[in-house]
Amino acid sequence: MQFSKVPGKKNDHKVIVYALSTCVWCKLTKQFLNENNVEYEFVDVDLLQDKEKSEVHRTILDKGGSLSYPTTIVDDKTVITGFRKDQLKEALGI
């Protein structure tokens, strides 16, 4: 599956955002990361083929998340569901 990479000066964490293209909270999460100059990768799950959607669902569930968007995974271990500035700041040290 094709992730879009957004460059940023803060690249000491691996950040992946699973989003929906029409989701306001997903847009706010991306905006927050952009404003804080955090490098991240994202994919709009609703635009994927069924097989790739299943892969995303399995990845999120395997990491203990729920199928709600946005889901942000930091360093392959911290799962943040929804637009949670407080949790994002804590996980990213900002």
C-alpha atoms as a PDB file:
ATOM      1  CA  MET A   1       0.000   0.000   0.000  1.00  0.00           C
ATOM      2  CA  GLN A   2       1.150   3.495  -0.760  1.00  0.00           C
ATOM      3  CA  PHE A   3       1.794   5.799   2.184  1.00  0.00           C
ATOM      4  CA  SER A   4       2.247   9.536   1.660  1.00  0.00           C
ATOM      5  CA  LYS A   5       5.268  10.936   3.468  1.00  0.00           C
ATOM      6  CA  VAL A   6       5.121  14.405   4.976  1.00  0.00           C
ATOM      7  CA  PRO A   7       8.580  15.794   5.760  1.00  0.00           C
ATOM      8  CA  GLY A   8       9.299  17.579   9.007  1.00  0.00           C
ATOM      9  CA  LYS A   9      12.250  18.659  11.124  1.00  0.00           C
ATOM     10  CA  LYS A  10      11.118  16.492  14.044  1.00  0.00           C
ATOM     11  CA  ASN A  11      11.861  13.011  12.767  1.00  0.00           C
ATOM     12  CA  ASP A  12      13.057  11.225  15.903  1.00  0.00           C
ATOM     13  CA  HIS A  13       9.819   9.199  16.044  1.00  0.00           C
ATOM     14  CA  LYS A  14       8.214   6.975  13.425  1.00  0.00           C
ATOM     15  CA  VAL A  15       4.672   8.319  13.074  1.00  0.00           C
ATOM     16  CA  ILE A  16       1.985   6.656  10.966  1.00  0.00           C
ATOM     17  CA  VAL A  17      -1.525   8.069  10.632  1.00  0.00           C
ATOM     18  CA  TYR A  18      -4.376   5.922   9.368  1.00  0.00           C
ATOM     19  CA  ALA A  19      -7.035   8.386   8.255  1.00  0.00           C
ATOM     20  CA  LEU A  20     -10.194   8.824   6.193  1.00  0.00           C
ATOM     21  CA  SER A  21     -10.138  11.366   3.370  1.00  0.00           C
ATOM     22  CA  THR A  22     -13.385  13.029   4.527  1.00  0.00           C
ATOM     23  CA  CYS A  23     -12.748  12.982   8.300  1.00  0.00           C
ATOM     24  CA  VAL A  24     -12.464  16.346  10.081  1.00  0.00           C
ATOM     25  CA  TRP A  25     -10.604  14.809  13.056  1.00  0.00           C
ATOM     26  CA  CYS A  26      -8.133  13.180  10.662  1.00  0.00           C
ATOM     27  CA  LYS A  27      -7.477  16.553   9.005  1.00  0.00           C
ATOM     28  CA  LEU A  28      -6.968  18.141  12.440  1.00  0.00           C
ATOM     29  CA  THR A  29      -4.461  15.434  13.385  1.00  0.00           C
ATOM     30  CA  LYS A  30      -2.465  16.023  10.197  1.00  0.00           C
ATOM     31  CA  GLN A  31      -2.670  19.795  10.735  1.00  0.00           C
ATOM     32  CA  PHE A  32      -1.394  19.401  14.309  1.00  0.00           C
ATOM     33  CA  LEU A  33       1.566  17.314  13.104  1.00  0.00           C
ATOM     34  CA  ASN A  34       2.304  19.824  10.329  1.00  0.00           C
ATOM     35  CA  GLU A  35       2.145  22.803  12.707  1.00  0.00           C
ATOM     36  CA  ASN A  36       4.577  21.052  15.048  1.00  0.00           C
ATOM     37  CA  ASN A  37       6.910  20.171  12.162  1.00  0.00           C
ATOM     38  CA  VAL A  38       6.619  16.421  12.797  1.00  0.00           C
ATOM     39  CA  GLU A  39       7.607  14.057  10.001  1.00  0.00           C
ATOM     40  CA  TYR A  40       4.923  11.419   9.427  1.00  0.00           C
ATOM     41  CA  GLU A  41       3.402   9.049   6.938  1.00  0.00           C
ATOM     42  CA  PHE A  42      -0.302   8.649   6.319  1.00  0.00           C
ATOM     43  CA  VAL A  43      -2.761   6.674   4.267  1.00  0.00           C
ATOM     44  CA  ASP A  44      -6.434   7.429   3.641  1.00  0.00           C
ATOM     45  CA  VAL A  45      -7.993   4.055   4.411  1.00  0.00           C
ATOM     46  CA  ASP A  46     -11.297   4.788   2.648  1.00  0.00           C
ATOM     47  CA  LEU A  47      -9.435   5.169  -0.657  1.00  0.00           C
ATOM     48  CA  LEU A  48      -7.730   1.746  -0.445  1.00  0.00           C
ATOM     49  CA  GLN A  49      -8.738  -1.487  -2.131  1.00  0.00           C
ATOM     50  CA  ASP A  50     -10.538  -4.043   0.067  1.00  0.00           C
ATOM     51  CA  LYS A  51      -7.427  -6.212   0.514  1.00  0.00           C
ATOM     52  CA  GLU A  52      -5.358  -3.228   1.704  1.00  0.00           C
ATOM     53  CA  LYS A  53      -8.182  -2.085   4.018  1.00  0.00           C
ATOM     54  CA  SER A  54      -8.105  -5.533   5.616  1.00  0.00           C
ATOM     55  CA  GLU A  55      -4.329  -5.210   6.120  1.00  0.00           C
ATOM     56  CA  VAL A  56      -4.793  -1.837   7.846  1.00  0.00           C
ATOM     57  CA  HIS A  57      -7.584  -3.204  10.055  1.00  0.00           C
ATOM     58  CA  ARG A  58      -5.410  -6.163  11.061  1.00  0.00           C
ATOM     59  CA  THR A  59      -2.426  -3.877  11.821  1.00  0.00           C
ATOM     60  CA  ILE A  60      -4.506  -1.552  14.008  1.00  0.00           C
ATOM     61  CA  LEU A  61      -6.213  -4.396  15.884  1.00  0.00           C
ATOM     62  CA  ASP A  62      -2.928  -6.297  16.375  1.00  0.00           C
ATOM     63  CA  LYS A  63      -1.476  -3.212  18.088  1.00  0.00           C
ATOM     64  CA  GLY A  64      -4.450  -3.000  20.442  1.00  0.00           C
ATOM     65  CA  GLY A  65      -6.285  -0.195  18.665  1.00  0.00           C
ATOM     66  CA  SER A  66      -9.894   0.029  17.573  1.00  0.00           C
ATOM     67  CA  LEU A  67     -11.210   0.612  14.075  1.00  0.00           C
ATOM     68  CA  SER A  68     -11.792   4.304  14.543  1.00  0.00           C
ATOM     69  CA  TYR A  69     -10.106   7.150  12.705  1.00  0.00           C
ATOM     70  CA  PRO A  70      -7.727   8.767  12.884  1.00  0.00           C
ATOM     71  CA  THR A  71      -5.485   6.117  14.377  1.00  0.00           C
ATOM     72  CA  THR A  72      -1.935   7.331  14.952  1.00  0.00           C
ATOM     73  CA  ILE A  73       0.836   4.858  15.737  1.00  0.00           C
ATOM     74  CA  VAL A  74       4.054   6.240  17.188  1.00  0.00           C
ATOM     75  CA  ASP A  75       7.229   4.114  17.108  1.00  0.00           C
ATOM     76  CA  ASP A  76       5.198   0.945  16.352  1.00  0.00           C
ATOM     77  CA  LYS A  77       3.960   0.790  19.946  1.00  0.00           C
ATOM     78  CA  THR A  78       1.886   3.796  21.053  1.00  0.00           C
ATOM     79  CA  VAL A  79      -1.616   3.750  19.543  1.00  0.00           C
ATOM     80  CA  ILE A  80      -3.660   6.943  19.699  1.00  0.00           C
ATOM     81  CA  THR A  81      -7.269   6.766  18.551  1.00  0.00           C
ATOM     82  CA  GLY A  82      -8.964  10.013  17.563  1.00  0.00           C
ATOM     83  CA  PHE A  83      -7.597  13.548  17.605  1.00  0.00           C
ATOM     84  CA  ARG A  84      -5.960  13.678  21.031  1.00  0.00           C
ATOM     85  CA  LYS A  85      -3.524  16.595  21.235  1.00  0.00           C
ATOM     86  CA  ASP A  86      -2.526  15.668  24.783  1.00  0.00           C
ATOM     87  CA  GLN A  87      -1.607  12.100  23.849  1.00  0.00           C
ATOM     88  CA  LEU A  88       0.173  13.198  20.677  1.00  0.00           C
ATOM     89  CA  LYS A  89       2.245  15.756  22.590  1.00  0.00           C
ATOM     90  CA  GLU A  90       3.186  13.169  25.226  1.00  0.00           C
ATOM     91  CA  ALA A  91       4.090  10.450  22.715  1.00  0.00           C
ATOM     92  CA  LEU A  92       6.135  12.866  20.588  1.00  0.00           C
ATOM     93  CA  GLY A  93       7.721  14.831  23.415  1.00  0.00           C
ATOM     94  CA  ILE A  94       6.398  18.221  22.277  1.00  0.00           C
END
